[in-house]
C-alpha cells in the first residue's frame, strides 16, 4: 500500500508539512538556511523541546546569546582540547568492553545497546561534572540483565518527552495544572534532570572554590575560574550542562549500536575492519585511529544511514522572505531540512539503502555537501568548531568515542555476530524517530565465539 501511495506522487525538493512550515531536501537550500551568519533564527520549537524556559546553546534564538555561549564553550570541547580527557574516555570504554564480556559469559550475549548507553552517559558525566555517573559499575546483574537506575531511565526517554513538549506545547502547559499522566511525566523528567545537574554542578563548583588544585579538569572548569567578561553564571552553566548530558548520552550510544549491528551482519565489512584494526600498535590512541581509512569509512556510513538526530532542524525565514528551492517563502515561515532524506538521496548516494562503507573511499562533492550527521557543516575533519554555529558542539567528542569504542570492541570480539538469543531479530532494530533515532526494540544482542559462556 505504501508503495502504491508513493507512486501517485512525483517527489519534489520542497514539501509543505504544516500551515506555516515547509521541509526541503535541497543541498543549495540547506546551505542558505544553515549558514554561520544565522540569518535564519531558531523558532520557539526548540524551547518547547529542551527545557522549562531557560536559554541554552541548543534552544537560544537570540544570536548574540548563542554566539557568546558558543565562543565560551567551544574551546574546551575542541578536538585539540579533548586530548586532555583521553585517559578518562579510554577507562570508560575499556570497562564497557569488560562488562560486555561478563554478560556474554553469564547471559550468552551482551546487549550492546544498553552498554553503549552506559558508556556514553558515564563519559559525558565525568567530563561535565568531574565525576562519572558510574552506570557501568552500578549495572546490577538482576535476572541476568543490568538494571538502569532512575536517572538513566530519564535520559533514555528524554527525546520522547521533548518531542511531546514541542508537538503539544499548549497541552504541556495545561499538564502543569491538570493531571495528564504522560505529559506530566515529561515535565517532571525535565525537572529531575535540571535538579540533578544543579546538584552535581554545585558539588563540583564547591570543590573548585575551596581547593582548585584537587578539582578534576572538566569542560566547564575554566568558566568557573574566568574573569567576569569571560564567565557564565552558575545558572547558565547548569543549563548548558543539561544540554551536554542529554545530547552526549543516547546520541553516541545509538550510533554505536547501529554500527555494531550493521557491521556484524556483513562478514566482508567485518573482516576488512578487523584486519585494519589488527595493524594498530600496542597502546594506540585517537591519533592512530584518525589515520585508519576503513574504520572512518565505516563510521561515516553508519552516520549516513543512522544519524543520531536525523529529524528536521526548523528555522525561521528572516523578515523580507527568502528564495528556497525555487520558491519564494514569506518571512516568518518555518523551514527545515533533515539528514534522513538528504542521506538517502540516490543522486548523492547511489543505492542509498545499502550499507557500503567503501563509498567513502573517494567521496564526491555531492556526498560531502549532502552529509550532515552533526548539522550543516559537520564534515569529518572540521577543527574550528567555535565559528560553526550550525554544527553540533559535541561533534569531536562523539567522533573520538565512536572511533575508540569501535576499535576496542572489534579487537576484543573479532568474531562478534548478532545473536538470536531471547527472540532477538532484525525487527528490533527498526528505526523509531522522536527527533533522535533509536531501535524499536531498545536492545541489540551480540555474541562472540571467542567468549565462552559459563
Protein backbone atom coordinates (compact mmCIF):
# COMPACT_ATOMS: atom_id res chain seq x y z
CA UNK A 1 0.00 0.00 0.00
CA UNK A 2 2.79 2.43 0.89
CA UNK A 3 4.48 1.84 -2.49
CA UNK A 4 1.14 2.42 -4.27
CA UNK A 5 0.55 5.71 -2.46
CA UNK A 6 4.09 6.87 -3.24
CA UNK A 7 3.58 6.00 -6.91
CA UNK A 8 0.79 8.60 -7.09
CA UNK A 9 3.17 11.46 -6.36
CA UNK A 10 6.19 12.99 -8.04
CA UNK A 11 8.96 13.52 -5.46
CA UNK A 12 9.94 17.13 -5.00
CA UNK A 13 12.58 19.09 -3.12
CA UNK A 14 10.13 21.10 -1.03
CA UNK A 15 7.03 19.89 0.81
CA UNK A 16 4.53 21.81 2.90
CA UNK A 17 4.12 19.96 6.20
CA UNK A 18 2.03 22.48 8.12
CA UNK A 19 0.07 25.73 7.74
CA UNK A 20 3.28 27.75 8.03
CA UNK A 21 6.02 25.14 7.69
CA UNK A 22 7.91 23.53 4.81
CA UNK A 23 10.52 20.79 4.64
CA UNK A 24 13.23 20.90 1.98
CA UNK A 25 15.55 18.29 0.53
CA UNK A 26 17.83 20.52 -1.50
CA UNK A 27 21.54 20.96 -0.78
CA UNK A 28 21.67 24.57 -2.00
CA UNK A 29 18.70 25.42 0.21
CA UNK A 30 20.40 23.77 3.17
CA UNK A 31 23.47 25.95 2.62
CA UNK A 32 21.23 29.02 2.67
CA UNK A 33 19.23 28.06 5.76
CA UNK A 34 22.02 26.78 7.99
CA UNK A 35 24.60 29.50 7.47
CA UNK A 36 27.10 30.70 10.06
CA UNK A 37 25.56 34.18 9.67
CA UNK A 38 22.50 32.74 11.44
CA UNK A 39 20.03 34.83 9.44
CA UNK A 40 17.50 32.01 9.82
CA UNK A 41 16.86 32.01 13.56
CA UNK A 42 15.60 29.15 15.68
CA UNK A 43 11.84 29.14 16.33
CA UNK A 44 10.19 28.59 19.71
CA UNK A 45 10.01 24.86 18.93
CA UNK A 46 13.49 24.42 20.43
CA UNK A 47 12.47 25.92 23.76
CA UNK A 48 9.46 23.61 23.95
CA UNK A 49 11.66 20.63 23.10
CA UNK A 50 14.52 21.14 25.51
CA UNK A 51 13.77 22.75 28.86
CA UNK A 52 11.28 24.63 31.00
CA UNK A 53 12.08 28.04 29.58
CA UNK A 54 15.79 28.63 30.19
CA UNK A 55 18.01 29.58 27.27
CA UNK A 56 20.95 27.40 26.32
CA UNK A 57 23.16 26.81 23.31
CA UNK A 58 20.65 24.34 21.84
CA UNK A 59 17.47 26.40 22.02
CA UNK A 60 18.55 30.06 22.04
CA UNK A 61 17.06 32.18 19.26
CA UNK A 62 18.98 35.30 20.31
CA UNK A 63 22.01 35.42 18.04
CA UNK A 64 24.30 37.31 20.40
CA UNK A 65 23.44 34.95 23.28
CA UNK A 66 24.17 31.95 21.09
CA UNK A 67 27.46 33.32 19.75
CA UNK A 68 28.73 34.31 23.20
CA UNK A 69 27.90 30.95 24.76
CA UNK A 70 29.32 29.02 21.84
CA UNK A 71 32.55 31.03 21.95
CA UNK A 72 32.98 30.35 25.67
CA UNK A 73 32.01 26.68 25.46
CA UNK A 74 33.79 25.73 22.24
CA UNK A 75 37.46 25.77 23.26
CA UNK A 76 37.28 23.03 25.97
CA UNK A 77 35.41 20.67 23.64
CA UNK A 78 37.50 21.32 20.52
CA UNK A 79 39.39 18.35 19.12
CA UNK A 80 42.78 19.53 20.39
CA UNK A 81 41.46 20.18 23.92
CA UNK A 82 39.82 16.77 24.23
CA UNK A 83 43.23 15.07 24.26
CA UNK A 84 43.41 16.04 27.94
CA UNK A 85 40.49 13.68 28.65
CA UNK A 86 41.76 10.66 26.71
CA UNK A 87 42.53 8.66 29.86
CA UNK A 88 39.02 9.08 31.28
CA UNK A 89 37.41 8.23 27.95
CA UNK A 90 39.60 5.16 27.47
CA UNK A 91 38.93 3.91 31.01
CA UNK A 92 35.17 4.09 30.46
CA UNK A 93 35.39 2.32 27.10
CA UNK A 94 37.66 -0.43 28.46
CA UNK A 95 35.26 -1.01 31.35
CA UNK A 96 32.39 -1.20 28.87
CA UNK A 97 34.15 -3.95 26.93
CA UNK A 98 34.77 -5.90 30.15
CA UNK A 99 31.10 -5.58 31.15
CA UNK A 100 30.07 -6.85 27.72
CA UNK A 101 32.44 -9.80 28.09
CA UNK A 102 31.00 -10.63 31.52
CA UNK A 103 27.45 -10.51 30.17
CA UNK A 104 28.34 -12.72 27.22
CA UNK A 105 29.64 -15.30 29.69
CA UNK A 106 26.63 -15.22 32.01
CA UNK A 107 23.81 -14.47 29.57
CA UNK A 108 25.16 -15.88 26.33
CA UNK A 109 25.06 -12.48 24.63
CA UNK A 110 25.66 -8.84 25.51
CA UNK A 111 23.11 -6.10 24.98
CA UNK A 112 25.35 -3.55 23.28
CA UNK A 113 22.50 -1.01 23.15
CA UNK A 114 22.46 -0.92 26.94
CA UNK A 115 26.21 -0.96 27.48
CA UNK A 116 26.97 1.75 24.88
CA UNK A 117 24.36 3.92 26.59
CA UNK A 118 26.01 3.40 29.96
CA UNK A 119 29.41 4.17 28.42
CA UNK A 120 28.37 7.42 26.75
CA UNK A 121 26.46 8.55 29.85
CA UNK A 122 29.46 7.94 32.11
CA UNK A 123 31.85 9.72 29.74
CA UNK A 124 29.78 12.88 29.44
CA UNK A 125 29.05 12.82 33.17
CA UNK A 126 32.73 12.75 34.07
CA UNK A 127 33.67 15.41 31.53
CA UNK A 128 30.80 17.66 32.65
CA UNK A 129 30.70 17.23 36.44
CA UNK A 130 34.13 15.82 37.27
CA UNK A 131 32.57 12.54 38.36
CA UNK A 132 31.14 9.63 36.42
CA UNK A 133 27.51 8.63 36.86
CA UNK A 134 29.02 5.16 37.39
CA UNK A 135 26.23 3.50 35.46
CA UNK A 136 28.72 0.90 34.21
CA UNK A 137 29.67 -0.11 37.75
CA UNK A 138 26.09 0.02 39.04
CA UNK A 139 24.62 -2.08 36.24
CA UNK A 140 23.41 -4.70 38.70
CA UNK A 141 23.01 -8.14 37.16
CA UNK A 142 19.50 -8.97 38.29
CA UNK A 143 17.51 -11.53 36.31
CA UNK A 144 20.57 -11.73 34.05
CA UNK A 145 20.03 -8.18 32.82
CA UNK A 146 21.63 -4.96 34.07
CA UNK A 147 19.01 -2.65 35.56
CA UNK A 148 19.07 1.05 34.73
CA UNK A 149 18.76 3.45 37.62
CA UNK A 150 16.12 6.17 37.72
CA UNK A 151 18.40 8.80 36.23
CA UNK A 152 19.38 6.70 33.22
CA UNK A 153 15.71 5.94 32.59
CA UNK A 154 15.10 9.68 32.38
CA UNK A 155 17.95 10.16 29.91
CA UNK A 156 16.79 7.24 27.79
CA UNK A 157 13.30 8.73 27.43
CA UNK A 158 14.15 12.43 27.24
CA UNK A 159 13.92 12.63 23.43
CA UNK A 160 10.39 11.22 23.53
CA UNK A 161 9.43 13.70 26.22
CA UNK A 162 10.98 16.55 24.23
CA UNK A 163 9.01 15.61 21.12
CA UNK A 164 5.81 15.64 23.15
CA UNK A 165 6.54 19.07 24.60
CA UNK A 166 7.45 20.50 21.19
CA UNK A 167 4.47 18.98 19.39
CA UNK A 168 1.86 19.81 22.03
CA UNK A 169 3.08 22.94 23.86
CA UNK A 170 -0.42 24.01 24.92
CA UNK A 171 -1.24 20.60 26.36
CA UNK A 172 2.12 20.55 28.12
CA UNK A 173 1.29 23.87 29.77
CA UNK A 174 -2.11 22.55 30.84
CA UNK A 175 -0.49 19.41 32.24
CA UNK A 176 1.22 21.57 34.85
CA UNK A 177 -2.26 22.40 36.18
CA UNK A 178 -4.46 19.49 35.13
CA UNK A 179 -3.01 15.98 35.64
CA UNK A 180 -2.25 14.31 32.30
CA UNK A 181 -0.12 11.28 33.21
CA UNK A 182 2.26 11.04 30.26
CA UNK A 183 2.63 14.79 29.74
CA UNK A 184 3.07 15.34 33.47
CA UNK A 185 5.77 12.67 33.41
CA UNK A 186 7.56 14.56 30.62
CA UNK A 187 7.52 17.77 32.65
CA UNK A 188 8.72 16.03 35.79
CA UNK A 189 11.54 14.30 33.89
CA UNK A 190 12.89 17.67 32.79
CA UNK A 191 12.71 18.99 36.34
CA UNK A 192 14.57 15.96 37.70
CA UNK A 193 17.37 16.33 35.18
CA UNK A 194 17.62 20.03 35.98
CA UNK A 195 17.78 19.27 39.69
CA UNK A 196 20.38 16.55 39.21
CA UNK A 197 22.51 18.81 37.01
CA UNK A 198 22.32 21.61 39.57
CA UNK A 199 23.28 19.35 42.48
CA UNK A 200 26.20 17.72 40.63
CA UNK A 201 27.50 21.02 39.32
CA UNK A 202 27.12 22.60 42.76
CA UNK A 203 29.34 19.91 44.31
CA UNK A 204 31.96 20.47 41.66
CA UNK A 205 31.86 24.27 41.98
CA UNK A 206 32.30 23.92 45.73
CA UNK A 207 35.47 21.90 45.15
CA UNK A 208 36.78 24.42 42.61
CA UNK A 209 36.17 27.28 45.06
CA UNK A 210 37.62 25.54 48.14
CA UNK A 211 40.51 23.54 46.71
CA UNK A 212 41.05 24.22 42.98
CA UNK A 213 44.21 22.11 42.91
CA UNK A 214 42.15 18.98 43.71
CA UNK A 215 39.37 19.73 41.25
CA UNK A 216 39.50 17.47 38.19
CA UNK A 217 39.53 19.45 34.96
CA UNK A 218 36.15 19.41 33.18
CA UNK A 219 34.58 21.06 30.17
CA UNK A 220 33.33 23.84 32.48
CA UNK A 221 36.29 24.37 34.84
CA UNK A 222 37.66 27.41 33.05
CA UNK A 223 34.25 29.08 33.06
CA UNK A 224 34.15 28.93 36.87
CA UNK A 225 37.64 30.44 37.07
CA UNK A 226 37.31 33.02 34.29
CA UNK A 227 37.17 36.78 34.60
CA UNK A 228 33.77 38.45 34.54
CA UNK A 229 33.60 39.10 30.79
CA UNK A 230 34.61 35.51 30.00
CA UNK A 231 32.38 33.88 32.59
CA UNK A 232 28.92 32.34 32.67
CA UNK A 233 26.73 32.40 35.76
CA UNK A 234 26.13 29.19 37.70
CA UNK A 235 22.60 29.02 36.29
CA UNK A 236 23.88 29.46 32.74
CA UNK A 237 26.48 26.72 33.21
CA UNK A 238 23.83 24.44 34.73
CA UNK A 239 21.58 24.99 31.70
CA UNK A 240 24.45 24.12 29.35
CA UNK A 241 25.33 21.08 31.47
CA UNK A 242 21.79 19.79 30.90
CA UNK A 243 22.34 20.08 27.16
CA UNK A 244 25.63 18.20 27.41
CA UNK A 245 24.32 15.27 29.42
CA UNK A 246 21.21 14.91 27.25
CA UNK A 247 22.99 15.47 23.94
CA UNK A 248 26.04 13.39 24.86
CA UNK A 249 24.39 10.17 26.00
CA UNK A 250 22.00 8.26 23.76
CA UNK A 251 23.11 10.08 20.61
CA UNK A 252 26.54 8.45 20.65
CA UNK A 253 25.28 5.16 22.05
CA UNK A 254 22.56 4.75 19.40
CA UNK A 255 25.10 5.36 16.62
CA UNK A 256 27.45 2.79 18.16
CA UNK A 257 24.63 0.28 18.44
CA UNK A 258 23.74 0.61 14.76
CA UNK A 259 27.41 0.45 13.79
CA UNK A 260 27.92 -2.88 15.56
CA UNK A 261 24.64 -4.27 14.21
CA UNK A 262 25.42 -3.19 10.64
CA UNK A 263 28.99 -4.49 10.64
CA UNK A 264 28.17 -7.81 12.33
CA UNK A 265 25.58 -8.58 9.64
CA UNK A 266 28.14 -8.13 6.85
CA UNK A 267 31.08 -10.57 7.17
CA UNK A 268 33.11 -8.90 4.41
CA UNK A 269 32.85 -5.50 6.11
CA UNK A 270 33.69 -7.01 9.50
CA UNK A 271 36.68 -8.90 8.13
CA UNK A 272 38.10 -5.79 6.45
CA UNK A 273 37.58 -3.70 9.58
CA UNK A 274 39.16 -6.25 11.93
CA UNK A 275 42.12 -6.73 9.58
CA UNK A 276 42.81 -2.99 9.60
CA UNK A 277 42.39 -2.67 13.36
CA UNK A 278 44.83 -5.51 13.97
CA UNK A 279 47.59 -3.40 12.39
CA UNK A 280 47.38 -0.91 15.27
CA UNK A 281 50.39 -0.71 17.59
CA UNK A 282 50.09 -1.66 21.23
CA UNK A 283 48.97 1.35 23.24
CA UNK A 284 47.31 3.01 20.23
CA UNK A 285 45.36 6.20 20.74
CA UNK A 286 42.96 8.51 18.93
CA UNK A 287 45.78 9.86 16.74
CA UNK A 288 46.34 6.39 15.26
CA UNK A 289 42.62 5.80 14.73
CA UNK A 290 42.13 9.01 12.76
CA UNK A 291 44.55 7.64 10.17
CA UNK A 292 42.70 4.34 9.58
CA UNK A 293 40.75 4.78 6.33
CA UNK A 294 38.34 1.86 6.56
CA UNK A 295 37.45 2.50 10.21
CA UNK A 296 36.44 6.04 9.35
CA UNK A 297 34.56 4.89 6.26
CA UNK A 298 32.53 2.51 8.45
CA UNK A 299 31.75 5.32 10.89
CA UNK A 300 30.73 7.72 8.11
CA UNK A 301 28.45 5.13 6.55
CA UNK A 302 26.85 4.45 9.93
CA UNK A 303 26.27 8.17 10.44
CA UNK A 304 24.78 8.42 6.96
CA UNK A 305 22.14 5.75 7.49
CA UNK A 306 21.75 6.07 11.25
CA UNK A 307 22.42 9.68 12.19
CA UNK A 308 21.66 10.16 15.86
CA UNK A 309 19.38 13.14 15.15
CA UNK A 310 18.09 12.73 11.58
CA UNK A 311 14.94 14.82 12.10
CA UNK A 312 14.12 18.28 10.80
CA UNK A 313 16.01 21.23 12.26
CA UNK A 314 13.48 24.09 11.98
CA UNK A 315 14.45 27.69 11.30
CA UNK A 316 12.51 30.92 10.68
CA UNK A 317 12.71 32.62 7.29
CA UNK A 318 14.03 36.14 8.02
CA UNK A 319 11.89 39.28 7.56
CA UNK A 320 11.58 40.12 3.89
CA UNK A 321 11.37 36.48 2.85
CA UNK A 322 13.80 34.25 1.00
CA UNK A 323 14.07 32.15 -2.14
CA UNK A 324 14.28 28.49 -1.11
CA UNK A 325 14.38 25.55 -3.55
CA UNK A 326 12.86 27.63 -6.35
CA UNK A 327 10.05 29.04 -4.21
CA UNK A 328 9.58 32.42 -2.53
CA UNK A 329 8.85 32.00 1.17
CA UNK A 330 7.48 34.80 3.32
CA UNK A 331 9.32 35.99 6.40
CA UNK A 332 8.29 34.04 9.49
CA UNK A 333 7.74 30.79 7.60
CA UNK A 334 9.22 27.79 9.40
CA UNK A 335 11.60 25.94 7.10
CA UNK A 336 13.63 22.85 7.86
CA UNK A 337 15.80 20.17 6.33
CA UNK A 338 16.67 16.80 7.78
CA UNK A 339 19.54 14.40 7.40
CA UNK A 340 17.28 11.36 6.97
CA UNK A 341 16.18 12.40 3.47
CA UNK A 342 19.41 14.06 2.34
CA UNK A 343 21.42 10.98 3.33
CA UNK A 344 19.16 8.76 1.20
CA UNK A 345 19.21 10.86 -1.95
CA UNK A 346 20.12 8.43 -4.77
CA UNK A 347 21.76 11.26 -6.73
CA UNK A 348 24.26 11.92 -3.94
CA UNK A 349 24.40 8.34 -2.67
CA UNK A 350 23.79 5.64 -5.33
CA UNK A 351 21.97 2.62 -3.88
CA UNK A 352 21.27 4.70 -0.77
CA UNK A 353 19.69 1.91 1.30
CA UNK A 354 22.83 -0.24 1.10
CA UNK A 355 25.33 -0.10 3.95
CA UNK A 356 28.51 0.34 1.90
CA UNK A 357 31.49 1.89 3.72
CA UNK A 358 33.59 1.77 0.55
CA UNK A 359 31.55 4.63 -0.93
CA UNK A 360 33.55 6.90 1.40
CA UNK A 361 36.92 5.83 -0.02
CA UNK A 362 36.60 8.61 -2.62
CA UNK A 363 33.59 10.73 -1.64
CA UNK A 364 32.17 13.00 -4.32
CA UNK A 365 31.39 16.67 -3.78
CA UNK A 366 27.68 15.80 -3.83
CA UNK A 367 28.21 13.31 -1.00
CA UNK A 368 30.14 15.82 1.08
CA UNK A 369 27.56 18.55 0.54
CA UNK A 370 24.63 16.31 1.48
CA UNK A 371 26.31 14.77 4.54
CA UNK A 372 25.15 16.46 7.75
CA UNK A 373 25.17 13.97 10.66
CA UNK A 374 26.17 16.73 13.10
CA UNK A 375 24.17 19.51 11.49
CA UNK A 376 25.10 21.54 8.47
CA UNK A 377 28.87 21.75 8.01
CA UNK A 378 29.54 18.73 10.20
CA UNK A 379 32.00 17.02 7.92
CA UNK A 380 34.72 14.90 9.43
CA UNK A 381 37.86 16.94 9.95
CA UNK A 382 36.36 20.33 10.79
CA UNK A 383 38.54 21.82 13.51
CA UNK A 384 37.50 25.38 14.28
CA UNK A 385 34.15 24.45 15.71
CA UNK A 386 33.81 27.77 17.56
CA UNK A 387 32.97 29.51 14.29
CA UNK A 388 30.46 26.91 13.15
CA UNK A 389 27.23 27.86 14.86
CA UNK A 390 25.27 25.30 12.87
CA UNK A 391 27.36 22.27 13.86
CA UNK A 392 26.81 20.15 16.98
CA UNK A 393 29.30 21.43 19.55
CA UNK A 394 29.95 17.86 20.71
CA UNK A 395 30.94 16.62 17.26
CA UNK A 396 34.60 15.95 18.06
CA UNK A 397 33.84 14.17 21.33
CA UNK A 398 31.34 11.94 19.53
CA UNK A 399 33.88 11.08 16.82
CA UNK A 400 36.53 10.21 19.39
CA UNK A 401 34.12 7.93 21.26
CA UNK A 402 32.95 6.26 18.04
CA UNK A 403 36.48 5.54 16.86
CA UNK A 404 37.79 4.29 20.20
CA UNK A 405 34.70 2.22 21.01
CA UNK A 406 34.64 0.60 17.57
CA UNK A 407 38.34 -0.27 17.75
CA UNK A 408 38.16 -1.68 21.29
CA UNK A 409 35.03 -3.69 20.52
CA UNK A 410 36.26 -5.42 17.35
CA UNK A 411 39.72 -6.08 18.74
CA UNK A 412 38.10 -7.73 21.76
CA UNK A 413 35.38 -9.55 19.78
CA UNK A 414 36.66 -10.02 16.20
CA UNK A 415 34.10 -12.77 15.53
CA UNK A 416 31.11 -10.95 17.04
CA UNK A 417 27.74 -11.60 15.46
CA UNK A 418 24.15 -10.58 16.08
CA UNK A 419 22.55 -13.06 18.46
CA UNK A 420 19.16 -14.72 18.11
CA UNK A 421 19.00 -15.21 21.88
CA UNK A 422 15.76 -14.25 23.64
CA UNK A 423 13.99 -13.76 20.32
CA UNK A 424 16.32 -11.01 19.11
CA UNK A 425 15.59 -10.23 15.44
CA UNK A 426 16.16 -7.53 12.84
CA UNK A 427 12.76 -6.03 13.62
CA UNK A 428 14.18 -4.95 17.00
CA UNK A 429 16.47 -2.61 15.07
CA UNK A 430 13.74 -0.89 13.06
CA UNK A 431 14.18 2.88 13.30
CA UNK A 432 11.94 4.82 15.65
CA UNK A 433 12.44 8.58 15.46
CA UNK A 434 11.39 11.03 18.16
CA UNK A 435 13.84 13.69 16.97
CA UNK A 436 16.57 11.18 17.91
CA UNK A 437 16.82 7.82 16.16
CA UNK A 438 16.54 4.72 18.35
CA UNK A 439 16.00 1.00 17.65
CA UNK A 440 12.40 -0.07 18.22
CA UNK A 441 13.28 -2.98 20.48
CA UNK A 442 15.67 -0.88 22.58
CA UNK A 443 18.12 -3.76 22.60
CA UNK A 444 20.79 -5.28 20.38
CA UNK A 445 22.10 -8.66 21.49
CA UNK A 446 25.54 -9.67 20.24
CA UNK A 447 27.54 -12.82 20.93
CA UNK A 448 31.11 -13.87 20.21
CA UNK A 449 32.56 -17.36 19.89
CA UNK A 450 35.80 -16.13 21.44
CA UNK A 451 33.91 -15.68 24.74
CA UNK A 452 32.98 -18.95 26.42
CA UNK A 453 29.62 -18.94 28.19
CA UNK A 454 29.59 -20.08 31.81
